[in-house]
């Protein structure tokens, strides 16, 4: 029987690497498309690679060639990218496209673009269903662009059946925005004290890159026009994430000062998760429609994450290694400000 063909766009990023691997090991003939045209050392030898910029219509069309059974697009953003995919509908059987849980908006219009405003953090009834309303589409922010992309693709579902996966905070190796760095770097730096706002009880739904790749694999094999949350089954608190990382690193849990309320400043007690209210998504639809079951053990993923991040940091400034995280949250490792606050507390 002839193998089905999959084209993965954004193949050398964190999600793309895992998706290519999952599809190839499931028997797909995979073409891995990226700007570099690179290859991951963990991929099976039969994976083909192609060099193409996501914004180059001709190059992308050439990578798809005469046709494929599924396109997996992990970097699609905005209405233009969606239209680029639908323009190829006559050569593509179906699509699996990555979106984000950041598209959700609560019933009072609060969303992740309003968090800096007074009482601007969204208050969701949890768990969040896929039917929860989303923000208005646009091109001004990451989340508005994702909504614009979603709406274009869903409107073209009769021509190109597309599964849109709204991913939680993705963790695992090869991340360009690793939230777990907050705890890992502090342990590597020998910090023995830790301050956490809201007593470390914050809940922000995550997804391991391996579980996300499993969802992609299942959606590729079961085409449809739909939106599905894409998260892990468990939602640990911020404090529990820190304790789990400590255990993997063999570090005795530092002295933790748990604040009853919000952090006194961005430099003291704020973690990359930064949640004032729980963000927990319902995974029933993915379980029902795709037969999704998590495949990755928490300890396994955290071990991989710790090893990879520690290797990336060796002898280098974290801001150089992770410029996107440093630009968004430059305060994460302001130890001087933290020590000054601890002396007063």
C-alpha atoms as a PDB file:
ATOM      1  CA  UNK A   1       0.000   0.000   0.000  1.00  0.00           C
ATOM      2  CA  UNK A   2       1.321   3.415  -0.979  1.00  0.00           C
ATOM      3  CA  UNK A   3       2.331   5.638   1.911  1.00  0.00           C
ATOM      4  CA  UNK A   4       0.366   8.773   2.583  1.00  0.00           C
ATOM      5  CA  UNK A   5       2.359  11.985   2.227  1.00  0.00           C
ATOM      6  CA  UNK A   6       2.585  14.757   4.806  1.00  0.00           C
ATOM      7  CA  UNK A   7       4.224  18.170   4.416  1.00  0.00           C
ATOM      8  CA  UNK A   8       5.241  19.874   7.664  1.00  0.00           C
ATOM      9  CA  UNK A   9       5.776  23.646   7.502  1.00  0.00           C
ATOM     10  CA  UNK A  10       8.067  25.017  10.200  1.00  0.00           C
ATOM     11  CA  UNK A  11       9.751  21.650  10.616  1.00  0.00           C
ATOM     12  CA  UNK A  12      12.916  22.676  12.458  1.00  0.00           C
ATOM     13  CA  UNK A  13      11.200  24.555  15.273  1.00  0.00           C
ATOM     14  CA  UNK A  14      10.236  23.008  18.592  1.00  0.00           C
ATOM     15  CA  UNK A  15       6.830  21.695  17.495  1.00  0.00           C
ATOM     16  CA  UNK A  16       7.827  20.903  13.937  1.00  0.00           C
ATOM     17  CA  UNK A  17      10.700  18.640  14.972  1.00  0.00           C
ATOM     18  CA  UNK A  18       8.415  16.511  17.119  1.00  0.00           C
ATOM     19  CA  UNK A  19       5.605  16.491  14.548  1.00  0.00           C
ATOM     20  CA  UNK A  20       7.885  15.271  11.748  1.00  0.00           C
ATOM     21  CA  UNK A  21       9.194  12.520  13.984  1.00  0.00           C
ATOM     22  CA  UNK A  22       5.714  11.405  15.083  1.00  0.00           C
ATOM     23  CA  UNK A  23       4.352  11.295  11.532  1.00  0.00           C
ATOM     24  CA  UNK A  24       7.381   9.541  10.052  1.00  0.00           C
ATOM     25  CA  UNK A  25       7.351   6.849  12.732  1.00  0.00           C
ATOM     26  CA  UNK A  26       3.632   6.387  12.091  1.00  0.00           C
ATOM     27  CA  UNK A  27       4.347   5.431   8.491  1.00  0.00           C
ATOM     28  CA  UNK A  28       3.861   8.741   6.675  1.00  0.00           C
ATOM     29  CA  UNK A  29       6.116   9.878   3.859  1.00  0.00           C
ATOM     30  CA  UNK A  30       7.163  13.233   5.310  1.00  0.00           C
ATOM     31  CA  UNK A  31       8.601  16.347   3.687  1.00  0.00           C
ATOM     32  CA  UNK A  32      10.032  18.683   6.334  1.00  0.00           C
ATOM     33  CA  UNK A  33       9.867  22.316   5.171  1.00  0.00           C
ATOM     34  CA  UNK A  34      11.849  25.091   6.853  1.00  0.00           C
ATOM     35  CA  UNK A  35      13.711  28.264   5.982  1.00  0.00           C
ATOM     36  CA  UNK A  36      17.031  26.518   6.593  1.00  0.00           C
ATOM     37  CA  UNK A  37      16.147  23.249   4.907  1.00  0.00           C
ATOM     38  CA  UNK A  38      17.760  21.549   7.898  1.00  0.00           C
ATOM     39  CA  UNK A  39      17.369  18.088   9.324  1.00  0.00           C
ATOM     40  CA  UNK A  40      16.952  16.958  12.922  1.00  0.00           C
ATOM     41  CA  UNK A  41      19.327  14.180  13.904  1.00  0.00           C
ATOM     42  CA  UNK A  42      16.443  12.288  15.530  1.00  0.00           C
ATOM     43  CA  UNK A  43      14.365  11.999  12.357  1.00  0.00           C
ATOM     44  CA  UNK A  44      14.261   8.734  10.423  1.00  0.00           C
ATOM     45  CA  UNK A  45      16.537   8.754   7.361  1.00  0.00           C
ATOM     46  CA  UNK A  46      13.625   8.604   4.920  1.00  0.00           C
ATOM     47  CA  UNK A  47      12.343  12.062   5.904  1.00  0.00           C
ATOM     48  CA  UNK A  48      12.778  14.466   2.979  1.00  0.00           C
ATOM     49  CA  UNK A  49      13.741  18.086   3.580  1.00  0.00           C
ATOM     50  CA  UNK A  50      12.879  21.203   1.591  1.00  0.00           C
ATOM     51  CA  UNK A  51      13.989  24.807   1.960  1.00  0.00           C
ATOM     52  CA  UNK A  52      11.235  27.410   1.716  1.00  0.00           C
ATOM     53  CA  UNK A  53      10.287  30.644   3.416  1.00  0.00           C
ATOM     54  CA  UNK A  54       6.744  30.535   4.829  1.00  0.00           C
ATOM     55  CA  UNK A  55       6.002  33.860   3.138  1.00  0.00           C
ATOM     56  CA  UNK A  56       7.124  32.683  -0.316  1.00  0.00           C
ATOM     57  CA  UNK A  57       4.044  31.354  -2.114  1.00  0.00           C
ATOM     58  CA  UNK A  58       6.000  29.806  -4.985  1.00  0.00           C
ATOM     59  CA  UNK A  59       8.525  28.080  -2.746  1.00  0.00           C
ATOM     60  CA  UNK A  60       5.786  26.656  -0.544  1.00  0.00           C
ATOM     61  CA  UNK A  61       3.829  25.419  -3.548  1.00  0.00           C
ATOM     62  CA  UNK A  62       6.985  23.770  -4.876  1.00  0.00           C
ATOM     63  CA  UNK A  63       7.524  21.980  -1.555  1.00  0.00           C
ATOM     64  CA  UNK A  64       3.986  20.585  -1.712  1.00  0.00           C
ATOM     65  CA  UNK A  65       4.587  19.556  -5.298  1.00  0.00           C
ATOM     66  CA  UNK A  66       1.904  17.600  -7.121  1.00  0.00           C
ATOM     67  CA  UNK A  67       0.034  17.064  -3.896  1.00  0.00           C
ATOM     68  CA  UNK A  68      -0.051  15.620  -0.411  1.00  0.00           C
ATOM     69  CA  UNK A  69      -2.580  14.045   1.899  1.00  0.00           C
ATOM     70  CA  UNK A  70      -2.027  16.512   4.724  1.00  0.00           C
ATOM     71  CA  UNK A  71      -0.246  19.785   5.389  1.00  0.00           C
ATOM     72  CA  UNK A  72       0.821  20.372   8.977  1.00  0.00           C
ATOM     73  CA  UNK A  73       1.462  24.080   9.513  1.00  0.00           C
ATOM     74  CA  UNK A  74       2.931  24.971  12.896  1.00  0.00           C
ATOM     75  CA  UNK A  75       3.879  28.565  12.011  1.00  0.00           C
ATOM     76  CA  UNK A  76       0.751  29.852  10.260  1.00  0.00           C
ATOM     77  CA  UNK A  77      -0.331  33.313  11.383  1.00  0.00           C
ATOM     78  CA  UNK A  78      -2.870  35.744  10.027  1.00  0.00           C
ATOM     79  CA  UNK A  79      -5.417  35.680   7.227  1.00  0.00           C
ATOM     80  CA  UNK A  80      -2.743  35.822   4.508  1.00  0.00           C
ATOM     81  CA  UNK A  81      -1.162  32.542   5.590  1.00  0.00           C
ATOM     82  CA  UNK A  82      -4.600  30.925   5.761  1.00  0.00           C
ATOM     83  CA  UNK A  83      -5.414  32.076   2.232  1.00  0.00           C
ATOM     84  CA  UNK A  84      -2.057  30.750   1.091  1.00  0.00           C
ATOM     85  CA  UNK A  85      -3.073  27.307   2.321  1.00  0.00           C
ATOM     86  CA  UNK A  86      -6.586  27.400   0.896  1.00  0.00           C
ATOM     87  CA  UNK A  87      -5.174  28.433  -2.491  1.00  0.00           C
ATOM     88  CA  UNK A  88      -3.476  25.014  -2.547  1.00  0.00           C
ATOM     89  CA  UNK A  89      -6.642  23.133  -1.599  1.00  0.00           C
ATOM     90  CA  UNK A  90      -6.798  21.339  -4.951  1.00  0.00           C
ATOM     91  CA  UNK A  91      -3.479  19.669  -4.115  1.00  0.00           C
ATOM     92  CA  UNK A  92      -3.956  19.073  -0.391  1.00  0.00           C
ATOM     93  CA  UNK A  93      -6.257  16.516   1.227  1.00  0.00           C
ATOM     94  CA  UNK A  94      -6.519  18.197   4.619  1.00  0.00           C
ATOM     95  CA  UNK A  95      -4.600  20.405   7.021  1.00  0.00           C
ATOM     96  CA  UNK A  96      -3.598  20.500  10.679  1.00  0.00           C
ATOM     97  CA  UNK A  97      -2.781  24.029  11.832  1.00  0.00           C
ATOM     98  CA  UNK A  98      -1.465  25.291  15.165  1.00  0.00           C
ATOM     99  CA  UNK A  99      -3.252  28.040  17.027  1.00  0.00           C
ATOM    100  CA  UNK A 100      -3.168  28.978  20.711  1.00  0.00           C
ATOM    101  CA  UNK A 101      -5.352  29.092  23.818  1.00  0.00           C
ATOM    102  CA  UNK A 102      -4.464  32.794  23.989  1.00  0.00           C
ATOM    103  CA  UNK A 103      -7.299  33.460  21.534  1.00  0.00           C
ATOM    104  CA  UNK A 104      -9.950  33.034  24.241  1.00  0.00           C
ATOM    105  CA  UNK A 105     -11.808  35.985  25.748  1.00  0.00           C
ATOM    106  CA  UNK A 106     -14.023  36.004  28.807  1.00  0.00           C
ATOM    107  CA  UNK A 107     -17.626  37.136  28.842  1.00  0.00           C
ATOM    108  CA  UNK A 108     -16.641  40.673  29.875  1.00  0.00           C
ATOM    109  CA  UNK A 109     -14.197  41.134  27.007  1.00  0.00           C
ATOM    110  CA  UNK A 110     -11.035  40.459  29.018  1.00  0.00           C
ATOM    111  CA  UNK A 111      -8.298  38.530  27.250  1.00  0.00           C
ATOM    112  CA  UNK A 112      -4.530  38.156  27.128  1.00  0.00           C
ATOM    113  CA  UNK A 113      -4.193  41.506  25.403  1.00  0.00           C
ATOM    114  CA  UNK A 114      -5.846  43.286  28.344  1.00  0.00           C
ATOM    115  CA  UNK A 115      -3.823  41.786  31.196  1.00  0.00           C
ATOM    116  CA  UNK A 116      -1.876  45.014  31.803  1.00  0.00           C
ATOM    117  CA  UNK A 117      -5.091  46.948  32.400  1.00  0.00           C
ATOM    118  CA  UNK A 118      -6.725  47.230  35.850  1.00  0.00           C
ATOM    119  CA  UNK A 119      -8.718  44.023  36.383  1.00  0.00           C
ATOM    120  CA  UNK A 120      -7.714  43.087  32.847  1.00  0.00           C
ATOM    121  CA  UNK A 121      -6.821  39.434  33.405  1.00  0.00           C
ATOM    122  CA  UNK A 122      -9.553  37.175  31.991  1.00  0.00           C
ATOM    123  CA  UNK A 123     -11.834  35.280  34.363  1.00  0.00           C
ATOM    124  CA  UNK A 124     -12.845  32.041  32.649  1.00  0.00           C
ATOM    125  CA  UNK A 125     -15.276  29.423  33.814  1.00  0.00           C
ATOM    126  CA  UNK A 126     -13.013  26.374  33.822  1.00  0.00           C
ATOM    127  CA  UNK A 127     -12.437  24.144  32.076  1.00  0.00           C
ATOM    128  CA  UNK A 128     -12.534  26.296  28.938  1.00  0.00           C
ATOM    129  CA  UNK A 129     -14.484  24.755  26.082  1.00  0.00           C
ATOM    130  CA  UNK A 130     -13.691  25.321  22.413  1.00  0.00           C
ATOM    131  CA  UNK A 131     -17.043  27.135  22.193  1.00  0.00           C
ATOM    132  CA  UNK A 132     -15.744  29.909  24.472  1.00  0.00           C
ATOM    133  CA  UNK A 133     -15.769  33.173  22.561  1.00  0.00           C
ATOM    134  CA  UNK A 134     -12.534  34.482  21.071  1.00  0.00           C
ATOM    135  CA  UNK A 135     -11.086  37.940  20.569  1.00  0.00           C
ATOM    136  CA  UNK A 136     -11.695  39.897  17.385  1.00  0.00           C
ATOM    137  CA  UNK A 137      -9.489  38.993  14.425  1.00  0.00           C
ATOM    138  CA  UNK A 138      -6.755  41.341  13.322  1.00  0.00           C
ATOM    139  CA  UNK A 139      -3.047  41.651  12.683  1.00  0.00           C
ATOM    140  CA  UNK A 140      -2.004  43.750  15.684  1.00  0.00           C
ATOM    141  CA  UNK A 141      -1.074  40.994  18.143  1.00  0.00           C
ATOM    142  CA  UNK A 142      -0.138  37.331  18.078  1.00  0.00           C
ATOM    143  CA  UNK A 143      -3.557  36.245  19.307  1.00  0.00           C
ATOM    144  CA  UNK A 144      -5.595  38.493  16.980  1.00  0.00           C
ATOM    145  CA  UNK A 145      -3.595  37.142  14.046  1.00  0.00           C
ATOM    146  CA  UNK A 146      -4.275  33.584  15.113  1.00  0.00           C
ATOM    147  CA  UNK A 147      -8.024  34.279  15.239  1.00  0.00           C
ATOM    148  CA  UNK A 148      -7.896  35.785  11.750  1.00  0.00           C
ATOM    149  CA  UNK A 149      -6.147  32.645  10.536  1.00  0.00           C
ATOM    150  CA  UNK A 150      -8.667  30.371  12.267  1.00  0.00           C
ATOM    151  CA  UNK A 151     -11.668  32.119  10.774  1.00  0.00           C
ATOM    152  CA  UNK A 152     -10.318  32.016   7.220  1.00  0.00           C
ATOM    153  CA  UNK A 153      -9.536  28.314   7.446  1.00  0.00           C
ATOM    154  CA  UNK A 154     -12.836  27.332   9.050  1.00  0.00           C
ATOM    155  CA  UNK A 155     -14.741  29.285   6.401  1.00  0.00           C
ATOM    156  CA  UNK A 156     -12.973  27.209   3.737  1.00  0.00           C
ATOM    157  CA  UNK A 157     -13.601  23.900   5.479  1.00  0.00           C
ATOM    158  CA  UNK A 158     -15.574  22.502   2.564  1.00  0.00           C
ATOM    159  CA  UNK A 159     -12.528  22.912   0.290  1.00  0.00           C
ATOM    160  CA  UNK A 160      -9.770  22.225   2.799  1.00  0.00           C
ATOM    161  CA  UNK A 161     -10.815  20.324   5.952  1.00  0.00           C
ATOM    162  CA  UNK A 162      -8.651  21.772   8.699  1.00  0.00           C
ATOM    163  CA  UNK A 163      -8.112  20.738  12.289  1.00  0.00           C
ATOM    164  CA  UNK A 164      -7.087  23.778  14.305  1.00  0.00           C
ATOM    165  CA  UNK A 165      -5.235  22.875  17.495  1.00  0.00           C
ATOM    166  CA  UNK A 166      -5.335  25.539  20.205  1.00  0.00           C
ATOM    167  CA  UNK A 167      -2.179  24.703  22.098  1.00  0.00           C
ATOM    168  CA  UNK A 168      -1.481  25.560  25.707  1.00  0.00           C
ATOM    169  CA  UNK A 169       1.966  26.706  26.865  1.00  0.00           C
ATOM    170  CA  UNK A 170       4.262  24.306  25.011  1.00  0.00           C
ATOM    171  CA  UNK A 171       7.201  22.841  26.923  1.00  0.00           C
ATOM    172  CA  UNK A 172      10.042  20.535  26.034  1.00  0.00           C
ATOM    173  CA  UNK A 173      13.381  20.754  24.211  1.00  0.00           C
ATOM    174  CA  UNK A 174      14.037  23.364  21.494  1.00  0.00           C
ATOM    175  CA  UNK A 175      11.734  26.001  22.934  1.00  0.00           C
ATOM    176  CA  UNK A 176      12.479  29.630  22.054  1.00  0.00           C
ATOM    177  CA  UNK A 177      10.293  30.795  24.966  1.00  0.00           C
ATOM    178  CA  UNK A 178      10.931  28.305  27.788  1.00  0.00           C
ATOM    179  CA  UNK A 179       8.842  29.143  30.845  1.00  0.00           C
ATOM    180  CA  UNK A 180      10.620  26.434  32.852  1.00  0.00           C
ATOM    181  CA  UNK A 181      13.849  28.424  32.595  1.00  0.00           C
ATOM    182  CA  UNK A 182      12.596  30.441  35.570  1.00  0.00           C
ATOM    183  CA  UNK A 183      13.236  27.523  37.923  1.00  0.00           C
ATOM    184  CA  UNK A 184      16.070  25.798  36.057  1.00  0.00           C
ATOM    185  CA  UNK A 185      18.359  28.819  35.838  1.00  0.00           C
ATOM    186  CA  UNK A 186      17.800  29.705  39.481  1.00  0.00           C
ATOM    187  CA  UNK A 187      18.840  26.208  40.491  1.00  0.00           C
ATOM    188  CA  UNK A 188      21.902  26.372  38.237  1.00  0.00           C
ATOM    189  CA  UNK A 189      22.782  29.749  39.772  1.00  0.00           C
ATOM    190  CA  UNK A 190      22.520  28.337  43.285  1.00  0.00           C
ATOM    191  CA  UNK A 191      19.630  30.515  44.365  1.00  0.00           C
ATOM    192  CA  UNK A 192      18.351  29.086  47.633  1.00  0.00           C
ATOM    193  CA  UNK A 193      15.352  31.365  48.088  1.00  0.00           C
ATOM    194  CA  UNK A 194      12.259  31.532  45.940  1.00  0.00           C
ATOM    195  CA  UNK A 195       9.331  33.961  46.004  1.00  0.00           C
ATOM    196  CA  UNK A 196       5.999  33.014  44.423  1.00  0.00           C
ATOM    197  CA  UNK A 197       2.893  35.163  44.173  1.00  0.00           C
ATOM    198  CA  UNK A 198      -0.564  33.806  45.061  1.00  0.00           C
ATOM    199  CA  UNK A 199       1.160  31.115  47.163  1.00  0.00           C
ATOM    200  CA  UNK A 200       2.363  29.419  43.983  1.00  0.00           C
ATOM    201  CA  UNK A 201      -1.146  28.200  43.167  1.00  0.00           C
ATOM    202  CA  UNK A 202      -1.326  29.651  39.642  1.00  0.00           C
ATOM    203  CA  UNK A 203      -2.733  27.250  37.041  1.00  0.00           C
ATOM    204  CA  UNK A 204      -1.798  27.791  33.384  1.00  0.00           C
ATOM    205  CA  UNK A 205      -2.551  24.822  31.148  1.00  0.00           C
ATOM    206  CA  UNK A 206       0.544  23.481  29.394  1.00  0.00           C
ATOM    207  CA  UNK A 207       1.199  20.851  26.744  1.00  0.00           C
ATOM    208  CA  UNK A 208       4.357  18.812  26.301  1.00  0.00           C
ATOM    209  CA  UNK A 209       5.731  18.958  22.789  1.00  0.00           C
ATOM    210  CA  UNK A 210       5.387  15.159  22.546  1.00  0.00           C
ATOM    211  CA  UNK A 211       1.708  15.197  23.490  1.00  0.00           C
ATOM    212  CA  UNK A 212       1.159  17.996  20.982  1.00  0.00           C
ATOM    213  CA  UNK A 213       2.890  15.929  18.292  1.00  0.00           C
ATOM    214  CA  UNK A 214       0.586  13.043  19.178  1.00  0.00           C
ATOM    215  CA  UNK A 215      -2.445  15.291  18.672  1.00  0.00           C
ATOM    216  CA  UNK A 216      -1.032  16.358  15.301  1.00  0.00           C
ATOM    217  CA  UNK A 217      -0.504  12.724  14.318  1.00  0.00           C
ATOM    218  CA  UNK A 218      -4.056  11.787  15.274  1.00  0.00           C
ATOM    219  CA  UNK A 219      -5.577  14.787  13.496  1.00  0.00           C
ATOM    220  CA  UNK A 220      -3.600  14.019  10.333  1.00  0.00           C
ATOM    221  CA  UNK A 221      -5.046  10.506  10.293  1.00  0.00           C
ATOM    222  CA  UNK A 222      -8.592  11.737  11.020  1.00  0.00           C
ATOM    223  CA  UNK A 223      -9.306  14.758   8.777  1.00  0.00           C
ATOM    224  CA  UNK A 224     -12.060  17.197   9.637  1.00  0.00           C
ATOM    225  CA  UNK A 225     -12.984  20.855   9.911  1.00  0.00           C
ATOM    226  CA  UNK A 226     -12.898  21.637  13.650  1.00  0.00           C
ATOM    227  CA  UNK A 227     -11.207  23.402  16.556  1.00  0.00           C
ATOM    228  CA  UNK A 228      -9.701  21.391  19.406  1.00  0.00           C
ATOM    229  CA  UNK A 229      -7.898  22.362  22.581  1.00  0.00           C
ATOM    230  CA  UNK A 230      -4.421  20.851  22.744  1.00  0.00           C
ATOM    231  CA  UNK A 231      -3.156  20.457  26.298  1.00  0.00           C
ATOM    232  CA  UNK A 232      -1.829  17.931  28.795  1.00  0.00           C
ATOM    233  CA  UNK A 233      -4.323  16.026  30.964  1.00  0.00           C
ATOM    234  CA  UNK A 234      -2.916  17.460  34.198  1.00  0.00           C
ATOM    235  CA  UNK A 235      -2.495  21.090  35.216  1.00  0.00           C
ATOM    236  CA  UNK A 236       0.174  21.446  37.922  1.00  0.00           C
ATOM    237  CA  UNK A 237       0.421  24.629  39.950  1.00  0.00           C
ATOM    238  CA  UNK A 238       3.430  26.903  39.513  1.00  0.00           C
ATOM    239  CA  UNK A 239       4.781  25.643  42.850  1.00  0.00           C
ATOM    240  CA  UNK A 240       4.352  22.030  41.735  1.00  0.00           C
ATOM    241  CA  UNK A 241       6.231  22.721  38.495  1.00  0.00           C
ATOM    242  CA  UNK A 242       9.100  24.173  40.518  1.00  0.00           C
ATOM    243  CA  UNK A 243       9.160  21.195  42.872  1.00  0.00           C
ATOM    244  CA  UNK A 244       9.136  18.743  39.949  1.00  0.00           C
ATOM    245  CA  UNK A 245      12.070  20.548  38.326  1.00  0.00           C
ATOM    246  CA  UNK A 246      13.936  20.502  41.634  1.00  0.00           C
ATOM    247  CA  UNK A 247      13.433  16.741  41.818  1.00  0.00           C
ATOM    248  CA  UNK A 248      14.718  16.193  38.280  1.00  0.00           C
ATOM    249  CA  UNK A 249      17.779  18.360  38.981  1.00  0.00           C
ATOM    250  CA  UNK A 250      18.448  16.694  42.323  1.00  0.00           C
ATOM    251  CA  UNK A 251      18.118  20.009  44.128  1.00  0.00           C
ATOM    252  CA  UNK A 252      16.644  20.284  47.588  1.00  0.00           C
ATOM    253  CA  UNK A 253      13.569  22.477  47.323  1.00  0.00           C
ATOM    254  CA  UNK A 254      14.711  26.032  48.027  1.00  0.00           C
ATOM    255  CA  UNK A 255      13.278  28.106  50.816  1.00  0.00           C
ATOM    256  CA  UNK A 256      10.063  29.353  49.257  1.00  0.00           C
ATOM    257  CA  UNK A 257       8.262  32.465  50.392  1.00  0.00           C
ATOM    258  CA  UNK A 258       4.636  32.157  49.353  1.00  0.00           C
ATOM    259  CA  UNK A 259       2.860  35.478  48.996  1.00  0.00           C
ATOM    260  CA  UNK A 260      -0.856  35.617  49.737  1.00  0.00           C
ATOM    261  CA  UNK A 261      -1.483  38.053  46.891  1.00  0.00           C
ATOM    262  CA  UNK A 262       0.147  39.433  43.764  1.00  0.00           C
ATOM    263  CA  UNK A 263       3.871  40.001  43.412  1.00  0.00           C
ATOM    264  CA  UNK A 264       5.199  43.301  44.787  1.00  0.00           C
ATOM    265  CA  UNK A 265       6.984  43.975  41.481  1.00  0.00           C
ATOM    266  CA  UNK A 266       7.828  42.312  38.184  1.00  0.00           C
ATOM    267  CA  UNK A 267      11.253  41.399  39.592  1.00  0.00           C
ATOM    268  CA  UNK A 268       9.982  39.688  42.736  1.00  0.00           C
ATOM    269  CA  UNK A 269       7.626  36.722  42.692  1.00  0.00           C
ATOM    270  CA  UNK A 270       6.526  36.913  39.057  1.00  0.00           C
ATOM    271  CA  UNK A 271       7.027  33.819  36.940  1.00  0.00           C
ATOM    272  CA  UNK A 272       6.541  33.503  33.159  1.00  0.00           C
ATOM    273  CA  UNK A 273       3.148  31.903  33.806  1.00  0.00           C
ATOM    274  CA  UNK A 274       1.827  35.122  35.420  1.00  0.00           C
ATOM    275  CA  UNK A 275      -1.782  34.043  35.975  1.00  0.00           C
ATOM    276  CA  UNK A 276      -4.180  35.878  38.252  1.00  0.00           C
ATOM    277  CA  UNK A 277      -6.973  33.379  37.544  1.00  0.00           C
ATOM    278  CA  UNK A 278      -6.889  29.728  36.386  1.00  0.00           C
ATOM    279  CA  UNK A 279      -6.406  28.918  32.706  1.00  0.00           C
ATOM    280  CA  UNK A 280      -7.584  25.318  32.324  1.00  0.00           C
ATOM    281  CA  UNK A 281      -8.859  23.922  29.034  1.00  0.00           C
ATOM    282  CA  UNK A 282     -11.294  21.076  28.457  1.00  0.00           C
ATOM    283  CA  UNK A 283      -9.770  18.160  26.527  1.00  0.00           C
ATOM    284  CA  UNK A 284     -12.961  16.129  26.112  1.00  0.00           C
ATOM    285  CA  UNK A 285     -13.410  16.974  22.420  1.00  0.00           C
ATOM    286  CA  UNK A 286      -9.912  15.806  21.454  1.00  0.00           C
ATOM    287  CA  UNK A 287     -10.408  12.610  23.416  1.00  0.00           C
ATOM    288  CA  UNK A 288     -13.783  11.985  21.779  1.00  0.00           C
ATOM    289  CA  UNK A 289     -12.958  12.947  18.197  1.00  0.00           C
ATOM    290  CA  UNK A 290      -9.363  11.775  17.925  1.00  0.00           C
ATOM    291  CA  UNK A 291      -9.046   9.170  20.653  1.00  0.00           C
ATOM    292  CA  UNK A 292      -6.334  11.342  22.218  1.00  0.00           C
ATOM    293  CA  UNK A 293      -4.449   9.919  25.156  1.00  0.00           C
ATOM    294  CA  UNK A 294      -1.242  11.505  26.474  1.00  0.00           C
ATOM    295  CA  UNK A 295       1.919   9.623  25.550  1.00  0.00           C
ATOM    296  CA  UNK A 296       4.547  11.550  27.496  1.00  0.00           C
ATOM    297  CA  UNK A 297       5.323  11.142  31.191  1.00  0.00           C
ATOM    298  CA  UNK A 298       5.872  14.409  33.068  1.00  0.00           C
ATOM    299  CA  UNK A 299       9.222  13.321  34.518  1.00  0.00           C
ATOM    300  CA  UNK A 300      10.504  12.244  31.103  1.00  0.00           C
ATOM    301  CA  UNK A 301       9.662  15.572  29.485  1.00  0.00           C
ATOM    302  CA  UNK A 302      11.044  17.600  32.370  1.00  0.00           C
ATOM    303  CA  UNK A 303      14.292  15.620  32.276  1.00  0.00           C
ATOM    304  CA  UNK A 304      14.647  16.321  28.553  1.00  0.00           C
ATOM    305  CA  UNK A 305      13.786  19.970  29.123  1.00  0.00           C
ATOM    306  CA  UNK A 306      16.259  20.420  31.957  1.00  0.00           C
ATOM    307  CA  UNK A 307      19.075  18.723  30.061  1.00  0.00           C
ATOM    308  CA  UNK A 308      18.466  20.732  26.923  1.00  0.00           C
ATOM    309  CA  UNK A 309      18.121  24.091  28.685  1.00  0.00           C
ATOM    310  CA  UNK A 310      21.174  23.493  30.857  1.00  0.00           C
ATOM    311  CA  UNK A 311      23.165  22.671  27.728  1.00  0.00           C
ATOM    312  CA  UNK A 312      21.977  25.822  25.986  1.00  0.00           C
ATOM    313  CA  UNK A 313      22.917  28.003  28.961  1.00  0.00           C
ATOM    314  CA  UNK A 314      26.404  26.572  29.478  1.00  0.00           C
ATOM    315  CA  UNK A 315      28.794  29.532  29.453  1.00  0.00           C
ATOM    316  CA  UNK A 316      26.262  31.856  27.822  1.00  0.00           C
ATOM    317  CA  UNK A 317      24.020  34.747  28.851  1.00  0.00           C
ATOM    318  CA  UNK A 318      20.377  33.651  28.975  1.00  0.00           C
ATOM    319  CA  UNK A 319      19.363  36.817  27.136  1.00  0.00           C
ATOM    320  CA  UNK A 320      21.569  35.858  24.229  1.00  0.00           C
ATOM    321  CA  UNK A 321      20.216  32.307  24.136  1.00  0.00           C
ATOM    322  CA  UNK A 322      16.531  33.214  24.512  1.00  0.00           C
ATOM    323  CA  UNK A 323      16.089  36.736  23.137  1.00  0.00           C
ATOM    324  CA  UNK A 324      12.313  36.466  22.757  1.00  0.00           C
ATOM    325  CA  UNK A 325      11.846  35.586  26.416  1.00  0.00           C
ATOM    326  CA  UNK A 326      14.335  38.251  27.471  1.00  0.00           C
ATOM    327  CA  UNK A 327      12.543  40.898  25.444  1.00  0.00           C
ATOM    328  CA  UNK A 328       9.124  39.984  26.829  1.00  0.00           C
ATOM    329  CA  UNK A 329      10.193  39.443  30.440  1.00  0.00           C
ATOM    330  CA  UNK A 330      13.601  41.050  31.113  1.00  0.00           C
ATOM    331  CA  UNK A 331      12.945  41.071  34.865  1.00  0.00           C
ATOM    332  CA  UNK A 332      13.006  37.293  35.407  1.00  0.00           C
ATOM    333  CA  UNK A 333      16.468  37.089  36.944  1.00  0.00           C
ATOM    334  CA  UNK A 334      16.866  40.467  38.620  1.00  0.00           C
ATOM    335  CA  UNK A 335      18.529  38.945  41.666  1.00  0.00           C
ATOM    336  CA  UNK A 336      19.625  42.310  43.070  1.00  0.00           C
ATOM    337  CA  UNK A 337      16.027  43.552  43.249  1.00  0.00           C
ATOM    338  CA  UNK A 338      14.894  40.249  44.701  1.00  0.00           C
ATOM    339  CA  UNK A 339      17.602  40.265  47.389  1.00  0.00           C
ATOM    340  CA  UNK A 340      16.807  43.858  48.334  1.00  0.00           C
ATOM    341  CA  UNK A 341      13.146  42.950  48.798  1.00  0.00           C
ATOM    342  CA  UNK A 342      13.996  39.838  50.823  1.00  0.00           C
ATOM    343  CA  UNK A 343      16.112  41.889  53.213  1.00  0.00           C
ATOM    344  CA  UNK A 344      13.130  44.111  53.920  1.00  0.00           C
ATOM    345  CA  UNK A 345      10.590  41.334  54.262  1.00  0.00           C
END
